[in-house]
mmCIF file of all heavy atoms, coordinates in Angstrom:
data_MODEL
# 
_entry.id   MODEL 
# 
loop_
_atom_site.group_PDB 
_atom_site.id 
_atom_site.type_symbol 
_atom_site.label_atom_id 
_atom_site.label_alt_id 
_atom_site.label_comp_id 
_atom_site.label_asym_id 
_atom_site.label_entity_id 
_atom_site.label_seq_id 
_atom_site.pdbx_PDB_ins_code 
_atom_site.Cartn_x 
_atom_site.Cartn_y 
_atom_site.Cartn_z 
_atom_site.occupancy 
_atom_site.B_iso_or_equiv 
_atom_site.pdbx_formal_charge 
_atom_site.auth_seq_id 
_atom_site.auth_comp_id 
_atom_site.auth_asym_id 
_atom_site.auth_atom_id 
_atom_site.pdbx_PDB_model_num 
ATOM 1   N N   . GLY A 1 1  ? 121.924 -8.270  69.375 1.00 0.00 ? 1  GLY A N   1 
ATOM 2   C CA  . GLY A 1 1  ? 123.260 -8.556  69.208 1.00 0.00 ? 1  GLY A CA  1 
ATOM 3   C C   . GLY A 1 1  ? 123.563 -9.581  68.049 1.00 0.00 ? 1  GLY A C   1 
ATOM 4   O O   . GLY A 1 1  ? 122.752 -9.577  67.118 1.00 0.00 ? 1  GLY A O   1 
ATOM 5   N N   . LEU A 1 2  ? 124.647 -10.317 68.148 1.00 0.00 ? 2  LEU A N   1 
ATOM 6   C CA  . LEU A 1 2  ? 124.975 -11.300 67.091 1.00 0.00 ? 2  LEU A CA  1 
ATOM 7   C C   . LEU A 1 2  ? 123.938 -12.368 67.114 1.00 0.00 ? 2  LEU A C   1 
ATOM 8   O O   . LEU A 1 2  ? 123.400 -12.905 68.101 1.00 0.00 ? 2  LEU A O   1 
ATOM 9   C CB  . LEU A 1 2  ? 126.311 -11.875 67.498 1.00 0.00 ? 2  LEU A CB  1 
ATOM 10  C CG  . LEU A 1 2  ? 126.889 -12.888 66.415 1.00 0.00 ? 2  LEU A CG  1 
ATOM 11  C CD1 . LEU A 1 2  ? 127.115 -12.244 65.123 1.00 0.00 ? 2  LEU A CD1 1 
ATOM 12  C CD2 . LEU A 1 2  ? 128.204 -13.549 66.978 1.00 0.00 ? 2  LEU A CD2 1 
ATOM 13  N N   . ASN A 1 3  ? 123.592 -12.770 65.793 1.00 0.00 ? 3  ASN A N   1 
ATOM 14  C CA  . ASN A 1 3  ? 122.477 -13.770 65.599 1.00 0.00 ? 3  ASN A CA  1 
ATOM 15  C C   . ASN A 1 3  ? 122.920 -14.766 64.553 1.00 0.00 ? 3  ASN A C   1 
ATOM 16  O O   . ASN A 1 3  ? 122.206 -15.365 63.786 1.00 0.00 ? 3  ASN A O   1 
ATOM 17  C CB  . ASN A 1 3  ? 121.265 -13.146 65.177 1.00 0.00 ? 3  ASN A CB  1 
ATOM 18  C CG  . ASN A 1 3  ? 120.068 -14.044 65.322 1.00 0.00 ? 3  ASN A CG  1 
ATOM 19  O OD1 . ASN A 1 3  ? 119.977 -14.898 66.175 1.00 0.00 ? 3  ASN A OD1 1 
ATOM 20  N ND2 . ASN A 1 3  ? 118.993 -13.844 64.542 1.00 0.00 ? 3  ASN A ND2 1 
ATOM 21  N N   . SER A 1 4  ? 124.277 -15.045 64.378 1.00 0.00 ? 4  SER A N   1 
ATOM 22  C CA  . SER A 1 4  ? 124.816 -15.883 63.282 1.00 0.00 ? 4  SER A CA  1 
ATOM 23  C C   . SER A 1 4  ? 124.262 -17.259 63.269 1.00 0.00 ? 4  SER A C   1 
ATOM 24  O O   . SER A 1 4  ? 124.277 -17.948 62.198 1.00 0.00 ? 4  SER A O   1 
ATOM 25  C CB  . SER A 1 4  ? 126.329 -15.840 63.417 1.00 0.00 ? 4  SER A CB  1 
ATOM 26  O OG  . SER A 1 4  ? 126.772 -16.327 64.611 1.00 0.00 ? 4  SER A OG  1 
ATOM 27  N N   . VAL A 1 5  ? 123.963 -17.783 64.423 1.00 0.00 ? 5  VAL A N   1 
ATOM 28  C CA  . VAL A 1 5  ? 123.491 -19.215 64.474 1.00 0.00 ? 5  VAL A CA  1 
ATOM 29  C C   . VAL A 1 5  ? 122.081 -19.151 65.167 1.00 0.00 ? 5  VAL A C   1 
ATOM 30  O O   . VAL A 1 5  ? 121.747 -20.267 65.737 1.00 0.00 ? 5  VAL A O   1 
ATOM 31  C CB  . VAL A 1 5  ? 124.396 -20.093 65.218 1.00 0.00 ? 5  VAL A CB  1 
ATOM 32  C CG1 . VAL A 1 5  ? 125.758 -20.344 64.326 1.00 0.00 ? 5  VAL A CG1 1 
ATOM 33  C CG2 . VAL A 1 5  ? 124.864 -19.605 66.530 1.00 0.00 ? 5  VAL A CG2 1 
ATOM 34  N N   . GLY A 1 6  ? 121.310 -18.125 65.187 1.00 0.00 ? 6  GLY A N   1 
ATOM 35  C CA  . GLY A 1 6  ? 120.015 -18.108 65.696 1.00 0.00 ? 6  GLY A CA  1 
ATOM 36  C C   . GLY A 1 6  ? 119.882 -17.819 67.166 1.00 0.00 ? 6  GLY A C   1 
ATOM 37  O O   . GLY A 1 6  ? 118.903 -18.123 67.792 1.00 0.00 ? 6  GLY A O   1 
ATOM 38  N N   . GLN A 1 7  ? 120.992 -17.420 67.819 1.00 0.00 ? 7  GLN A N   1 
ATOM 39  C CA  . GLN A 1 7  ? 120.989 -17.296 69.260 1.00 0.00 ? 7  GLN A CA  1 
ATOM 40  C C   . GLN A 1 7  ? 119.974 -16.228 69.767 1.00 0.00 ? 7  GLN A C   1 
ATOM 41  O O   . GLN A 1 7  ? 119.663 -16.118 70.972 1.00 0.00 ? 7  GLN A O   1 
ATOM 42  C CB  . GLN A 1 7  ? 122.359 -17.018 69.787 1.00 0.00 ? 7  GLN A CB  1 
ATOM 43  C CG  . GLN A 1 7  ? 123.105 -15.791 69.213 1.00 0.00 ? 7  GLN A CG  1 
ATOM 44  C CD  . GLN A 1 7  ? 124.032 -16.118 68.063 1.00 0.00 ? 7  GLN A CD  1 
ATOM 45  O OE1 . GLN A 1 7  ? 123.603 -16.613 67.011 1.00 0.00 ? 7  GLN A OE1 1 
ATOM 46  N NE2 . GLN A 1 7  ? 125.258 -15.788 68.144 1.00 0.00 ? 7  GLN A NE2 1 
ATOM 47  N N   . LEU A 1 8  ? 119.432 -15.353 68.906 1.00 0.00 ? 8  LEU A N   1 
ATOM 48  C CA  . LEU A 1 8  ? 118.496 -14.397 69.402 1.00 0.00 ? 8  LEU A CA  1 
ATOM 49  C C   . LEU A 1 8  ? 117.050 -14.984 69.366 1.00 0.00 ? 8  LEU A C   1 
ATOM 50  O O   . LEU A 1 8  ? 116.190 -14.382 70.017 1.00 0.00 ? 8  LEU A O   1 
ATOM 51  C CB  . LEU A 1 8  ? 118.499 -13.168 68.454 1.00 0.00 ? 8  LEU A CB  1 
ATOM 52  C CG  . LEU A 1 8  ? 119.776 -12.384 68.373 1.00 0.00 ? 8  LEU A CG  1 
ATOM 53  C CD1 . LEU A 1 8  ? 119.553 -11.029 67.558 1.00 0.00 ? 8  LEU A CD1 1 
ATOM 54  C CD2 . LEU A 1 8  ? 120.349 -12.025 69.739 1.00 0.00 ? 8  LEU A CD2 1 
ATOM 55  N N   . GLY A 1 9  ? 116.854 -16.154 68.797 1.00 0.00 ? 9  GLY A N   1 
ATOM 56  C CA  . GLY A 1 9  ? 115.537 -16.822 68.931 1.00 0.00 ? 9  GLY A CA  1 
ATOM 57  C C   . GLY A 1 9  ? 114.435 -16.184 68.179 1.00 0.00 ? 9  GLY A C   1 
ATOM 58  O O   . GLY A 1 9  ? 113.257 -16.421 68.500 1.00 0.00 ? 9  GLY A O   1 
ATOM 59  N N   . ASN A 1 10 ? 114.753 -15.400 67.176 1.00 0.00 ? 10 ASN A N   1 
ATOM 60  C CA  . ASN A 1 10 ? 113.650 -14.666 66.520 1.00 0.00 ? 10 ASN A CA  1 
ATOM 61  C C   . ASN A 1 10 ? 113.403 -15.346 65.133 1.00 0.00 ? 10 ASN A C   1 
ATOM 62  O O   . ASN A 1 10 ? 112.711 -14.653 64.281 1.00 0.00 ? 10 ASN A O   1 
ATOM 63  C CB  . ASN A 1 10 ? 113.948 -13.231 66.322 1.00 0.00 ? 10 ASN A CB  1 
ATOM 64  C CG  . ASN A 1 10 ? 115.280 -12.948 65.571 1.00 0.00 ? 10 ASN A CG  1 
ATOM 65  O OD1 . ASN A 1 10 ? 115.832 -13.800 64.949 1.00 0.00 ? 10 ASN A OD1 1 
ATOM 66  N ND2 . ASN A 1 10 ? 115.721 -11.763 65.671 1.00 0.00 ? 10 ASN A ND2 1 
ATOM 67  N N   . GLY A 1 11 ? 113.886 -16.491 64.870 1.00 0.00 ? 11 GLY A N   1 
ATOM 68  C CA  . GLY A 1 11 ? 113.639 -17.219 63.658 1.00 0.00 ? 11 GLY A CA  1 
ATOM 69  C C   . GLY A 1 11 ? 114.437 -16.702 62.380 1.00 0.00 ? 11 GLY A C   1 
ATOM 70  O O   . GLY A 1 11 ? 114.220 -17.192 61.330 1.00 0.00 ? 11 GLY A O   1 
ATOM 71  N N   . THR A 1 12 ? 115.510 -15.936 62.662 1.00 0.00 ? 12 THR A N   1 
ATOM 72  C CA  . THR A 1 12 ? 116.389 -15.465 61.559 1.00 0.00 ? 12 THR A CA  1 
ATOM 73  C C   . THR A 1 12 ? 117.790 -15.593 62.043 1.00 0.00 ? 12 THR A C   1 
ATOM 74  O O   . THR A 1 12 ? 118.094 -16.062 63.149 1.00 0.00 ? 12 THR A O   1 
ATOM 75  C CB  . THR A 1 12 ? 116.196 -13.958 61.360 1.00 0.00 ? 12 THR A CB  1 
ATOM 76  O OG1 . THR A 1 12 ? 116.777 -13.132 62.356 1.00 0.00 ? 12 THR A OG1 1 
ATOM 77  C CG2 . THR A 1 12 ? 114.677 -13.667 61.252 1.00 0.00 ? 12 THR A CG2 1 
ATOM 78  N N   . THR A 1 13 ? 118.740 -15.202 61.131 1.00 0.00 ? 13 THR A N   1 
ATOM 79  C CA  . THR A 1 13 ? 120.168 -15.195 61.486 1.00 0.00 ? 13 THR A CA  1 
ATOM 80  C C   . THR A 1 13 ? 120.610 -13.713 61.288 1.00 0.00 ? 13 THR A C   1 
ATOM 81  O O   . THR A 1 13 ? 121.839 -13.524 60.987 1.00 0.00 ? 13 THR A O   1 
ATOM 82  C CB  . THR A 1 13 ? 120.986 -16.101 60.671 1.00 0.00 ? 13 THR A CB  1 
ATOM 83  O OG1 . THR A 1 13 ? 120.733 -15.897 59.287 1.00 0.00 ? 13 THR A OG1 1 
ATOM 84  C CG2 . THR A 1 13 ? 120.601 -17.557 60.998 1.00 0.00 ? 13 THR A CG2 1 
ATOM 85  N N   . VAL A 1 14 ? 119.720 -12.779 61.378 1.00 0.00 ? 14 VAL A N   1 
ATOM 86  C CA  . VAL A 1 14 ? 120.024 -11.400 61.201 1.00 0.00 ? 14 VAL A CA  1 
ATOM 87  C C   . VAL A 1 14 ? 120.418 -10.751 62.541 1.00 0.00 ? 14 VAL A C   1 
ATOM 88  O O   . VAL A 1 14 ? 119.640 -10.814 63.510 1.00 0.00 ? 14 VAL A O   1 
ATOM 89  C CB  . VAL A 1 14 ? 118.914 -10.607 60.581 1.00 0.00 ? 14 VAL A CB  1 
ATOM 90  C CG1 . VAL A 1 14 ? 119.225 -9.163  60.368 1.00 0.00 ? 14 VAL A CG1 1 
ATOM 91  C CG2 . VAL A 1 14 ? 118.479 -11.265 59.156 1.00 0.00 ? 14 VAL A CG2 1 
ATOM 92  N N   . ASN A 1 15 ? 121.502 -9.982  62.644 1.00 0.00 ? 15 ASN A N   1 
ATOM 93  C CA  . ASN A 1 15 ? 121.862 -9.355  63.854 1.00 0.00 ? 15 ASN A CA  1 
ATOM 94  C C   . ASN A 1 15 ? 120.898 -8.205  64.159 1.00 0.00 ? 15 ASN A C   1 
ATOM 95  O O   . ASN A 1 15 ? 120.257 -7.644  63.271 1.00 0.00 ? 15 ASN A O   1 
ATOM 96  C CB  . ASN A 1 15 ? 123.279 -8.710  63.774 1.00 0.00 ? 15 ASN A CB  1 
ATOM 97  C CG  . ASN A 1 15 ? 124.368 -9.829  63.519 1.00 0.00 ? 15 ASN A CG  1 
ATOM 98  O OD1 . ASN A 1 15 ? 124.108 -10.920 63.785 1.00 0.00 ? 15 ASN A OD1 1 
ATOM 99  N ND2 . ASN A 1 15 ? 125.555 -9.323  63.030 1.00 0.00 ? 15 ASN A ND2 1 
ATOM 100 N N   . ARG A 1 16 ? 120.854 -7.879  65.394 1.00 0.00 ? 16 ARG A N   1 
ATOM 101 C CA  . ARG A 1 16 ? 119.928 -6.697  65.903 1.00 0.00 ? 16 ARG A CA  1 
ATOM 102 C C   . ARG A 1 16 ? 120.776 -5.775  66.811 1.00 0.00 ? 16 ARG A C   1 
ATOM 103 O O   . ARG A 1 16 ? 121.481 -6.260  67.630 1.00 0.00 ? 16 ARG A O   1 
ATOM 104 C CB  . ARG A 1 16 ? 118.722 -7.145  66.677 1.00 0.00 ? 16 ARG A CB  1 
ATOM 105 C CG  . ARG A 1 16 ? 117.642 -7.793  65.861 1.00 0.00 ? 16 ARG A CG  1 
ATOM 106 C CD  . ARG A 1 16 ? 116.383 -7.972  66.817 1.00 0.00 ? 16 ARG A CD  1 
ATOM 107 N NE  . ARG A 1 16 ? 115.936 -6.633  67.334 1.00 0.00 ? 16 ARG A NE  1 
ATOM 108 C CZ  . ARG A 1 16 ? 114.987 -5.965  66.795 1.00 0.00 ? 16 ARG A CZ  1 
ATOM 109 N NH1 . ARG A 1 16 ? 114.381 -6.379  65.723 1.00 0.00 ? 16 ARG A NH1 1 
ATOM 110 N NH2 . ARG A 1 16 ? 114.663 -4.839  67.359 1.00 0.00 ? 16 ARG A NH2 1 
ATOM 111 N N   . ASN A 1 17 ? 120.615 -4.479  66.653 1.00 0.00 ? 17 ASN A N   1 
ATOM 112 C CA  . ASN A 1 17 ? 121.331 -3.544  67.447 1.00 0.00 ? 17 ASN A CA  1 
ATOM 113 C C   . ASN A 1 17 ? 120.392 -2.860  68.462 1.00 0.00 ? 17 ASN A C   1 
ATOM 114 O O   . ASN A 1 17 ? 120.828 -1.868  69.075 1.00 0.00 ? 17 ASN A O   1 
ATOM 115 C CB  . ASN A 1 17 ? 122.194 -2.508  66.654 1.00 0.00 ? 17 ASN A CB  1 
ATOM 116 C CG  . ASN A 1 17 ? 121.453 -1.681  65.737 1.00 0.00 ? 17 ASN A CG  1 
ATOM 117 O OD1 . ASN A 1 17 ? 120.179 -1.539  65.884 1.00 0.00 ? 17 ASN A OD1 1 
ATOM 118 N ND2 . ASN A 1 17 ? 122.126 -1.149  64.783 1.00 0.00 ? 17 ASN A ND2 1 
ATOM 119 N N   . THR A 1 18 ? 119.124 -3.255  68.416 1.00 0.00 ? 18 THR A N   1 
ATOM 120 C CA  . THR A 1 18 ? 118.185 -2.782  69.530 1.00 0.00 ? 18 THR A CA  1 
ATOM 121 C C   . THR A 1 18 ? 117.409 -3.982  69.990 1.00 0.00 ? 18 THR A C   1 
ATOM 122 O O   . THR A 1 18 ? 117.266 -4.929  69.292 1.00 0.00 ? 18 THR A O   1 
ATOM 123 C CB  . THR A 1 18 ? 117.256 -1.781  68.945 1.00 0.00 ? 18 THR A CB  1 
ATOM 124 O OG1 . THR A 1 18 ? 116.483 -2.256  67.742 1.00 0.00 ? 18 THR A OG1 1 
ATOM 125 C CG2 . THR A 1 18 ? 117.965 -0.465  68.442 1.00 0.00 ? 18 THR A CG2 1 
ATOM 126 N N   . PRO A 1 19 ? 116.900 -3.896  71.195 1.00 0.00 ? 19 PRO A N   1 
ATOM 127 C CA  . PRO A 1 19 ? 116.114 -4.985  71.763 1.00 0.00 ? 19 PRO A CA  1 
ATOM 128 C C   . PRO A 1 19 ? 114.880 -5.287  70.867 1.00 0.00 ? 19 PRO A C   1 
ATOM 129 O O   . PRO A 1 19 ? 114.177 -4.396  70.428 1.00 0.00 ? 19 PRO A O   1 
ATOM 130 C CB  . PRO A 1 19 ? 115.640 -4.477  73.159 1.00 0.00 ? 19 PRO A CB  1 
ATOM 131 C CG  . PRO A 1 19 ? 116.704 -3.464  73.537 1.00 0.00 ? 19 PRO A CG  1 
ATOM 132 C CD  . PRO A 1 19 ? 117.109 -2.831  72.244 1.00 0.00 ? 19 PRO A CD  1 
ATOM 133 N N   . GLY A 1 20 ? 114.659 -6.578  70.523 1.00 0.00 ? 20 GLY A N   1 
ATOM 134 C CA  . GLY A 1 20 ? 113.518 -7.047  69.770 1.00 0.00 ? 20 GLY A CA  1 
ATOM 135 C C   . GLY A 1 20 ? 112.789 -8.123  70.522 1.00 0.00 ? 20 GLY A C   1 
ATOM 136 O O   . GLY A 1 20 ? 113.471 -9.061  71.081 1.00 0.00 ? 20 GLY A O   1 
ATOM 137 N N   . GLN A 1 21 ? 111.552 -8.109  70.567 1.00 0.00 ? 21 GLN A N   1 
ATOM 138 C CA  . GLN A 1 21 ? 110.797 -9.123  71.382 1.00 0.00 ? 21 GLN A CA  1 
ATOM 139 C C   . GLN A 1 21 ? 110.834 -10.471 70.569 1.00 0.00 ? 21 GLN A C   1 
ATOM 140 O O   . GLN A 1 21 ? 110.689 -10.561 69.430 1.00 0.00 ? 21 GLN A O   1 
ATOM 141 C CB  . GLN A 1 21 ? 109.326 -8.687  71.489 1.00 0.00 ? 21 GLN A CB  1 
ATOM 142 C CG  . GLN A 1 21 ? 108.539 -9.657  72.441 1.00 0.00 ? 21 GLN A CG  1 
ATOM 143 C CD  . GLN A 1 21 ? 107.056 -9.160  72.681 1.00 0.00 ? 21 GLN A CD  1 
ATOM 144 O OE1 . GLN A 1 21 ? 106.788 -8.001  72.413 1.00 0.00 ? 21 GLN A OE1 1 
ATOM 145 N NE2 . GLN A 1 21 ? 106.283 -10.035 73.157 1.00 0.00 ? 21 GLN A NE2 1 
ATOM 146 N N   . ILE A 1 22 ? 110.955 -11.513 71.406 1.00 0.00 ? 22 ILE A N   1 
ATOM 147 C CA  . ILE A 1 22 ? 110.921 -12.879 70.820 1.00 0.00 ? 22 ILE A CA  1 
ATOM 148 C C   . ILE A 1 22 ? 109.529 -13.461 70.834 1.00 0.00 ? 22 ILE A C   1 
ATOM 149 O O   . ILE A 1 22 ? 108.919 -13.593 72.016 1.00 0.00 ? 22 ILE A O   1 
ATOM 150 C CB  . ILE A 1 22 ? 111.834 -13.817 71.695 1.00 0.00 ? 22 ILE A CB  1 
ATOM 151 C CG1 . ILE A 1 22 ? 113.282 -13.376 71.571 1.00 0.00 ? 22 ILE A CG1 1 
ATOM 152 C CG2 . ILE A 1 22 ? 111.687 -15.228 71.194 1.00 0.00 ? 22 ILE A CG2 1 
ATOM 153 C CD1 . ILE A 1 22 ? 114.259 -14.110 72.336 1.00 0.00 ? 22 ILE A CD1 1 
ATOM 154 N N   . ASN A 1 23 ? 108.905 -13.582 69.766 1.00 0.00 ? 23 ASN A N   1 
ATOM 155 C CA  . ASN A 1 23 ? 107.474 -13.923 69.492 1.00 0.00 ? 23 ASN A CA  1 
ATOM 156 C C   . ASN A 1 23 ? 106.572 -13.204 70.480 1.00 0.00 ? 23 ASN A C   1 
ATOM 157 O O   . ASN A 1 23 ? 106.918 -12.246 71.061 1.00 0.00 ? 23 ASN A O   1 
ATOM 158 C CB  . ASN A 1 23 ? 107.279 -15.508 69.604 1.00 0.00 ? 23 ASN A CB  1 
ATOM 159 C CG  . ASN A 1 23 ? 107.695 -16.083 70.974 1.00 0.00 ? 23 ASN A CG  1 
ATOM 160 O OD1 . ASN A 1 23 ? 107.359 -15.639 71.973 1.00 0.00 ? 23 ASN A OD1 1 
ATOM 161 N ND2 . ASN A 1 23 ? 108.367 -17.193 70.937 1.00 0.00 ? 23 ASN A ND2 1 
ATOM 162 N N   . ALA A 1 24 ? 105.227 -13.679 70.588 1.00 0.00 ? 24 ALA A N   1 
ATOM 163 C CA  . ALA A 1 24 ? 104.355 -12.973 71.395 1.00 0.00 ? 24 ALA A CA  1 
ATOM 164 C C   . ALA A 1 24 ? 104.020 -13.587 72.767 1.00 0.00 ? 24 ALA A C   1 
ATOM 165 O O   . ALA A 1 24 ? 103.131 -13.194 73.529 1.00 0.00 ? 24 ALA A O   1 
ATOM 166 C CB  . ALA A 1 24 ? 102.974 -12.966 70.631 1.00 0.00 ? 24 ALA A CB  1 
# 
């Protein structure tokens, strides 16, 4: 989803429209 302020926790501010794993 929205990642404008890093809320996805993946080290970027890029939005995602599919589930992505947060680190290992």
